[in-house]
Protein backbone atom coordinates (compact mmCIF):
# COMPACT_ATOMS: atom_id res chain seq x y z
CA MET A 1 16.24 10.64 -8.13
CA ARG A 2 16.92 8.49 -5.09
CA LYS A 3 14.05 8.00 -2.72
CA PRO A 4 14.72 9.39 0.79
CA GLY A 5 16.11 6.50 2.83
CA LEU A 6 14.29 4.79 5.65
CA ILE A 7 15.92 5.31 9.02
CA ASP A 8 17.65 2.32 10.53
CA ARG A 9 16.58 0.59 13.72
CA ARG A 10 19.13 2.35 15.92
CA SER A 11 17.93 5.75 14.69
CA PHE A 12 14.34 4.67 15.34
CA VAL A 13 15.16 3.69 18.91
CA LYS A 14 17.12 6.90 19.52
CA ALA A 15 14.33 9.08 18.14
CA ALA A 16 11.69 7.20 20.10
CA GLY A 17 13.34 8.10 23.37
CA ALA A 18 13.23 6.65 26.86
CA ALA A 19 9.53 7.38 27.40
CA PHE A 20 8.51 5.16 24.48
CA LEU A 21 10.93 2.39 25.40
CA ALA A 22 9.66 2.41 28.98
CA THR A 23 6.17 1.46 27.74
CA LEU A 24 7.38 -1.75 26.09
CA SER A 25 7.27 -5.16 27.64
CA PRO A 26 10.68 -6.83 28.18
CA ARG A 27 9.94 -9.19 25.28
CA ALA A 28 9.00 -6.32 22.94
CA LEU A 29 12.03 -4.30 23.99
CA PHE A 30 14.30 -7.29 23.38
CA ALA A 31 12.75 -7.81 19.93
CA LEU A 32 13.14 -4.14 19.03
CA GLU A 33 16.79 -4.08 20.07
CA ARG A 34 17.56 -7.17 17.98
CA SER A 35 15.50 -6.23 14.93
CA ASP A 36 16.87 -4.69 11.75
CA ALA A 37 13.50 -3.14 10.90
CA VAL A 38 10.17 -2.06 12.32
CA TYR A 39 6.92 -2.63 10.43
CA ALA A 40 3.33 -1.47 10.81
CA SER A 41 0.11 -3.13 9.70
CA GLY A 42 -3.56 -2.97 10.42
CA PHE A 43 -4.97 -5.88 12.40
CA ARG A 44 -8.10 -7.36 13.91
CA SER A 45 -7.76 -9.01 17.31
CA PRO A 46 -9.63 -12.19 18.33
CA ASN A 47 -12.17 -10.10 20.28
CA GLY A 48 -13.01 -8.10 17.14
CA GLU A 49 -11.07 -4.95 18.01
CA PHE A 50 -9.07 -3.15 15.33
CA GLY A 51 -5.75 -1.38 15.46
CA ILE A 52 -2.32 -0.79 13.99
CA GLY A 53 0.39 -3.13 15.19
CA LEU A 54 4.12 -2.44 15.26
CA VAL A 55 6.26 -5.54 14.82
CA ALA A 56 9.92 -6.44 14.56
CA GLU A 57 11.26 -8.02 11.40
CA ASP A 58 10.71 -11.54 12.72
CA GLY A 59 7.10 -10.66 13.54
CA THR A 60 7.49 -10.17 17.30
CA PHE A 61 4.81 -7.78 18.48
CA ILE A 62 6.13 -4.44 19.83
CA ASP A 63 3.21 -2.03 20.29
CA ARG A 64 -0.28 -1.15 19.09
CA ILE A 65 -2.53 1.82 18.34
CA ALA A 66 -6.26 1.24 18.90
CA LEU A 67 -8.62 2.15 16.04
CA PRO A 68 -12.40 2.35 15.63
CA ASP A 69 -12.50 0.19 12.49
CA ARG A 70 -10.48 -1.69 9.91
CA VAL A 71 -7.66 -0.01 7.98
CA HIS A 72 -6.09 -0.95 4.67
CA GLY A 73 -3.08 0.80 3.12
CA LEU A 74 -0.36 2.76 4.89
CA GLY A 75 2.18 5.43 4.00
CA HIS A 76 5.25 6.86 5.70
CA SER A 77 7.22 10.10 5.64
CA PRO A 78 10.94 9.66 6.41
CA ALA A 79 11.16 13.46 6.52
CA THR A 80 8.86 13.81 9.53
CA GLY A 81 8.66 10.28 10.95
CA LEU A 82 4.87 10.30 10.61
CA SER A 83 2.88 7.45 9.12
CA VAL A 84 -0.71 7.23 7.92
CA ALA A 85 -3.23 4.40 7.70
CA PHE A 86 -6.43 4.71 5.67
CA ALA A 87 -9.74 3.06 6.39
CA ARG A 88 -10.73 0.19 4.17
CA ARG A 89 -13.06 1.20 1.33
CA PRO A 90 -15.66 2.68 1.77
CA GLY A 91 -14.28 3.99 5.07
CA THR A 92 -14.18 7.71 5.82
CA PHE A 93 -11.31 8.06 8.30
CA ALA A 94 -7.52 8.07 8.23
CA VAL A 95 -5.16 8.09 11.20
CA ILE A 96 -1.79 9.84 11.19
CA PHE A 97 0.55 8.48 13.82
CA ASP A 98 4.13 8.61 15.02
CA ALA A 99 5.29 5.07 15.71
CA ARG A 100 7.77 6.48 18.23
CA LYS A 101 4.89 8.14 20.14
CA ARG A 102 6.41 11.62 20.09
CA SER A 103 2.93 12.97 19.31
CA GLU A 104 -0.67 11.81 19.65
CA PRO A 105 -2.42 10.25 16.64
CA ILE A 106 -4.53 12.56 14.47
CA ILE A 107 -7.79 11.35 12.94
CA ILE A 108 -9.02 13.00 9.75
CA ALA A 109 -12.31 12.44 7.93
CA ALA A 110 -13.15 12.38 4.26
CA PRO A 111 -15.40 15.28 3.19
CA ASP A 112 -19.11 14.88 2.51
CA ASN A 113 -19.92 12.78 -0.56
CA ARG A 114 -16.46 11.21 -0.48
CA HIS A 115 -14.85 8.17 1.03
CA PHE A 116 -11.26 7.03 1.11
CA PHE A 117 -10.15 4.31 -1.27
CA GLY A 118 -7.67 2.93 1.27
CA HIS A 119 -4.38 4.42 0.07
CA GLY A 120 -2.33 7.61 0.07
CA GLN A 121 1.17 8.97 0.47
CA PHE A 122 3.14 11.94 1.77
CA SER A 123 5.10 14.36 -0.37
CA PRO A 124 8.87 13.77 -0.03
CA ASP A 125 9.23 16.77 2.31
CA GLY A 126 6.33 15.54 4.46
CA ARG A 127 4.42 18.81 4.11
CA LEU A 128 1.48 17.35 2.17
CA LEU A 129 -0.55 14.17 2.35
CA TYR A 130 -2.28 12.89 -0.79
CA ALA A 131 -5.22 10.47 -0.48
CA SER A 132 -7.15 8.46 -3.05
CA GLU A 133 -10.86 9.25 -2.68
CA ASN A 134 -14.16 8.41 -4.34
CA ASP A 135 -16.51 11.15 -5.56
CA PHE A 136 -19.22 8.52 -5.71
CA ASP A 137 -22.08 10.72 -6.94
CA ALA A 138 -20.00 11.96 -9.90
CA ILE A 139 -18.48 8.49 -10.47
CA ARG A 140 -14.89 9.70 -10.50
CA GLY A 141 -11.75 9.14 -8.51
CA MET A 142 -10.14 12.09 -6.76
CA ILE A 143 -6.89 12.82 -4.96
CA GLY A 144 -7.47 14.77 -1.75
CA VAL A 145 -4.66 17.08 -0.60
CA TYR A 146 -4.05 17.63 3.13
CA ASP A 147 -1.67 20.10 4.79
CA ALA A 148 0.55 18.23 7.24
CA THR A 149 1.84 21.52 8.67
CA ASP A 150 -1.67 22.60 9.68
CA GLY A 151 -3.24 19.65 11.45
CA PHE A 152 -3.83 17.85 8.14
CA ARG A 153 -6.44 20.35 7.05
CA ARG A 154 -7.85 19.51 3.63
CA VAL A 155 -6.57 22.19 1.26
CA GLY A 156 -7.63 20.92 -2.15
CA GLU A 157 -8.24 18.03 -4.49
CA PHE A 158 -7.25 16.87 -7.96
CA PRO A 159 -8.99 14.54 -10.40
CA ALA A 160 -7.46 11.08 -10.52
CA HIS A 161 -8.36 10.91 -14.23
CA GLY A 162 -10.19 7.63 -13.80
CA ILE A 163 -12.66 5.66 -11.69
CA GLY A 164 -12.17 3.15 -8.92
CA THR A 165 -8.99 4.92 -7.84
CA HIS A 166 -7.06 2.71 -5.45
CA ASP A 167 -3.33 2.83 -4.77
CA MET A 168 -1.26 5.95 -5.40
CA THR A 169 2.19 7.27 -4.62
CA VAL A 170 4.45 10.26 -5.25
CA SER A 171 7.64 10.37 -7.34
CA ASP A 172 10.91 10.68 -5.45
CA ASP A 173 11.34 14.31 -6.51
CA GLY A 174 7.76 15.20 -5.52
CA ARG A 175 6.78 16.37 -9.01
CA PHE A 176 4.40 13.60 -10.00
CA LEU A 177 1.48 11.63 -8.62
CA ILE A 178 1.34 8.02 -9.81
CA ILE A 179 -2.16 6.62 -9.63
CA ALA A 180 -3.72 3.19 -10.10
CA ASN A 181 -7.34 3.54 -11.22
CA GLY A 182 -8.89 0.11 -10.78
CA GLY A 183 -11.69 1.00 -13.17
CA ILE A 184 -14.46 -0.36 -10.95
CA GLU A 185 -17.49 1.74 -10.04
CA THR A 186 -18.69 1.50 -6.45
CA HIS A 187 -21.11 3.47 -4.29
CA PRO A 188 -21.36 3.32 -0.48
CA ASP A 189 -25.12 2.69 -0.77
CA PHE A 190 -24.15 -0.71 -2.18
CA GLY A 191 -21.24 -1.44 0.17
CA ARG A 192 -18.34 -3.05 -1.68
CA THR A 193 -20.44 -4.27 -4.64
CA LYS A 194 -18.78 -3.79 -8.02
CA LEU A 195 -21.28 -2.05 -10.26
CA ASN A 196 -19.69 -2.04 -13.73
CA LEU A 197 -17.84 -5.29 -14.30
CA ASP A 198 -19.18 -5.40 -17.88
CA HIS A 199 -17.66 -2.02 -18.76
CA MET A 200 -14.66 -1.46 -16.50
CA GLU A 201 -12.15 1.34 -17.19
CA PRO A 202 -8.81 0.43 -15.51
CA SER A 203 -5.88 2.77 -16.07
CA LEU A 204 -2.54 3.96 -14.74
CA VAL A 205 -1.95 7.70 -14.52
CA ILE A 206 0.92 10.13 -14.05
CA ALA A 207 -0.29 13.56 -12.96
CA ASP A 208 1.36 16.82 -11.96
CA ALA A 209 1.63 16.91 -8.16
CA ALA A 210 1.30 20.69 -8.03
CA THR A 211 -1.72 21.14 -10.30
CA GLY A 212 -3.21 17.69 -10.81
CA ALA A 213 -2.90 18.10 -14.58
CA LEU A 214 -2.80 14.86 -16.55
CA ILE A 215 0.65 14.01 -17.91
CA GLU A 216 0.13 10.41 -19.04
CA LYS A 217 -2.73 7.94 -18.96
CA HIS A 218 -2.27 4.27 -19.80
CA VAL A 219 -5.58 2.50 -20.40
CA MET A 220 -5.73 -1.27 -20.33
CA PRO A 221 -6.06 -2.82 -23.80
CA ARG A 222 -9.62 -3.77 -24.75
CA GLU A 223 -8.92 -7.48 -24.31
CA LEU A 224 -7.76 -6.72 -20.74
CA SER A 225 -10.53 -4.28 -19.82
CA GLN A 226 -11.44 -6.43 -16.80
CA LEU A 227 -7.88 -6.35 -15.47
CA SER A 228 -8.17 -4.00 -12.51
CA THR A 229 -4.97 -2.03 -11.84
CA ARG A 230 -4.90 -1.99 -8.04
CA HIS A 231 -1.46 -1.59 -6.45
CA LEU A 232 1.89 -0.12 -7.37
CA ASP A 233 5.38 0.70 -6.17
CA VAL A 234 8.29 2.61 -7.68
CA ALA A 235 11.84 1.42 -8.27
CA GLU A 236 14.90 3.58 -7.71
CA ASN A 237 15.15 4.42 -11.42
CA GLY A 238 11.58 5.73 -11.43
CA ARG A 239 10.09 2.65 -13.06
CA VAL A 240 6.57 1.98 -11.83
CA TRP A 241 5.62 -1.61 -11.03
CA PHE A 242 1.91 -2.43 -10.89
CA ALA A 243 -0.17 -5.43 -9.85
CA CYS A 244 -3.66 -6.37 -10.97
CA GLN A 245 -6.77 -8.29 -9.99
CA TYR A 246 -8.79 -9.89 -12.77
CA GLU A 247 -12.57 -9.59 -12.77
CA GLY A 248 -13.21 -11.71 -15.86
CA PRO A 249 -13.86 -15.44 -16.35
CA ARG A 250 -12.13 -17.63 -13.80
CA ASN A 251 -10.48 -19.82 -16.41
CA ASP A 252 -8.72 -16.90 -18.10
CA THR A 253 -5.05 -16.40 -17.28
CA PRO A 254 -4.23 -12.77 -18.09
CA PRO A 255 -0.91 -11.15 -17.10
CA LEU A 256 -1.14 -9.81 -13.56
CA VAL A 257 2.07 -7.79 -13.19
CA GLY A 258 3.72 -5.12 -15.30
CA HIS A 259 5.81 -1.98 -15.32
CA PHE A 260 6.29 1.29 -17.16
CA ALA A 261 8.25 4.51 -16.98
CA ARG A 262 7.34 7.99 -18.10
CA GLY A 263 7.17 8.11 -21.88
CA GLU A 264 6.90 4.33 -22.24
CA ALA A 265 4.03 1.99 -22.99
CA LEU A 266 2.92 -0.58 -20.43
CA ALA A 267 4.97 -3.77 -20.39
CA PHE A 268 3.53 -6.93 -18.84
CA VAL A 269 5.68 -9.60 -17.21
CA SER A 270 5.24 -13.06 -18.68
CA LEU A 271 5.28 -15.34 -15.65
CA PRO A 272 5.53 -19.13 -15.87
CA GLN A 273 2.13 -20.73 -16.31
CA ASP A 274 2.19 -22.48 -12.93
CA ILE A 275 2.93 -19.21 -11.11
CA THR A 276 0.22 -17.33 -12.98
CA ALA A 277 -2.19 -20.09 -12.00
CA GLY A 278 -0.89 -19.98 -8.42
CA LEU A 279 -1.66 -16.27 -8.13
CA ALA A 280 -5.32 -17.12 -8.81
CA ASN A 281 -5.95 -13.98 -10.89
CA TYR A 282 -5.40 -11.84 -7.78
CA VAL A 283 -2.28 -9.99 -6.67
CA GLY A 284 -3.16 -8.37 -3.37
CA ALA A 285 0.06 -6.42 -2.76
CA ILE A 286 3.30 -5.48 -4.49
CA ALA A 287 6.57 -4.05 -3.16
CA VAL A 288 9.97 -3.08 -4.55
CA ASN A 289 13.18 -3.81 -2.67
CA ARG A 290 15.40 -1.13 -4.19
CA ARG A 291 18.64 -2.25 -2.59
CA ASP A 292 18.34 -5.82 -3.83
CA GLY A 293 16.68 -4.97 -7.17
CA LEU A 294 13.67 -7.18 -6.43
CA VAL A 295 9.90 -7.02 -6.81
CA GLY A 296 7.64 -8.93 -4.44
CA LEU A 297 4.03 -10.07 -4.92
CA THR A 298 1.47 -11.73 -2.69
CA SER A 299 -1.81 -13.46 -3.44
CA PRO A 300 -4.16 -14.31 -0.56
CA LYS A 301 -6.44 -16.21 -2.92
CA GLY A 302 -3.60 -18.31 -4.24
CA GLY A 303 -1.68 -18.53 -0.96
CA LEU A 304 1.50 -17.56 -2.74
CA ALA A 305 4.37 -15.08 -2.38
CA VAL A 306 6.59 -14.47 -5.42
CA THR A 307 9.89 -12.62 -5.78
CA LEU A 308 10.99 -11.28 -9.18
CA GLU A 309 14.28 -9.87 -10.39
CA ALA A 310 13.43 -6.29 -11.32
CA ARG A 311 15.65 -5.91 -14.37
CA SER A 312 14.45 -9.02 -16.17
CA GLY A 313 11.16 -9.85 -14.50
CA THR A 314 12.34 -13.42 -13.99
CA VAL A 315 11.17 -15.39 -10.97
CA VAL A 316 13.75 -15.59 -8.18
CA SER A 317 11.69 -17.54 -5.65
CA THR A 318 8.21 -18.57 -4.60
CA ALA A 319 6.78 -19.49 -1.23
CA ALA A 320 3.49 -21.03 -0.21
CA VAL A 321 1.92 -18.67 2.35
CA ALA A 322 -1.67 -19.37 3.27
CA ASP A 323 -3.74 -16.16 3.14
CA ALA A 324 -0.65 -14.20 2.04
CA ALA A 325 -1.40 -10.52 2.62
CA GLY A 326 1.19 -7.76 3.04
CA ILE A 327 4.69 -7.49 1.62
CA ALA A 328 7.45 -4.95 2.24
CA PRO A 329 11.25 -4.78 1.85
CA ALA A 330 13.29 -6.66 4.45
CA LEU A 331 16.98 -6.78 5.27
CA SER A 332 17.12 -9.51 2.65
CA GLY A 333 14.27 -9.86 0.21
CA PHE A 334 10.82 -9.26 1.66
CA ALA A 335 8.80 -9.50 4.84
CA VAL A 336 5.42 -11.17 4.31
CA SER A 337 2.32 -11.20 6.50
CA SER A 338 -0.94 -13.15 6.31
CA TYR A 339 -4.56 -12.79 7.22
CA ASP A 340 -4.26 -15.75 9.58
CA GLY A 341 -1.68 -14.11 11.84
CA HIS A 342 1.69 -15.05 10.36
CA PHE A 343 4.37 -12.40 10.05
CA GLN A 344 7.58 -13.94 8.78
CA THR A 345 8.39 -16.74 11.22
CA THR A 346 6.00 -15.63 13.97
CA GLN A 347 2.39 -16.70 14.48
CA SER A 348 0.13 -14.41 16.48
CA PRO A 349 -3.60 -14.34 17.28
CA LEU A 350 -3.93 -11.10 15.32
CA ALA A 351 -5.35 -11.16 11.79
CA TRP A 352 -3.05 -8.88 9.79
CA ASP A 353 -4.60 -6.75 7.09
CA GLN A 354 -3.69 -6.67 3.41
CA HIS A 355 -0.68 -4.32 3.59
CA ILE A 356 2.40 -3.84 5.72
CA LEU A 357 4.64 -0.80 5.91
CA ARG A 358 8.34 -0.71 6.71
CA ILE A 359 8.96 2.26 9.01
CA SER A 360 12.65 1.77 9.80
């Protein structure tokens, strides 16, 4: 089924209304009017403050939302216009916001003995928010369920059927949860320390969105047990693309990108040796451009952005991007951000976080 479309820039401006536009500087307003898309990303400013920044497609800064701490992954609901940003692991807050400022941001907190894993997504109708969470005392990943029609009250949880749960999303028809279990045990008493690198359990899961029941679980082969399945995105045909970070010996060159569909085994993409080496065993973000049939990857450790043709997995282009961080569909290809303040062709004093979200 086709994923609900993102609104275009003109619709975004119209929905935002005069009150929002009146708050923008002339430069930001000019950028918004000329842009084909609006993006959001977490940032850290030079004075150490954190927030969510809204930027035009060329990286021109439009607006910001102040936050108490660093955020990581973001999700968006075209049905309601709301977006969400989750605190970086092991953070315990998430902020739901309307980029058009039609409503005030809502802060929610993870329950006791839980923390957010940095990712989540709305159901297609926008009525539910799913969040990847860590039940750290029981050493298991969970998916928290929040009611978007009732102030994002937590109404339940499902097992993620793995540990080190990280990225997750929802199928276009809302029937399935697609979950990347990185396989790494952590506990907030030890910060971000990885506690089980000698016996990791990475996996990719499809679960029933209504009950949480396990439908499929793809465990990494034994020889790739240290290949942490971290991020994913879904193509228009329902094919799931996933990206990995390798926790094994530095000189190993395992496959870092793959795909699967329901009822199929995992298939890894065989990248040219120089590109595999350039990714430095670490893909930090992945995105699918459905219109163009492309898959984009970034590696901050390798300083590299890579574009693949989705049907064949062949490399379309590469670009050297120091501290390459977020990636999201653009009017053509992908928009890419970096930890050192680059967003496309624009340099700013803000340090962008690992993910960017296309809102319009």
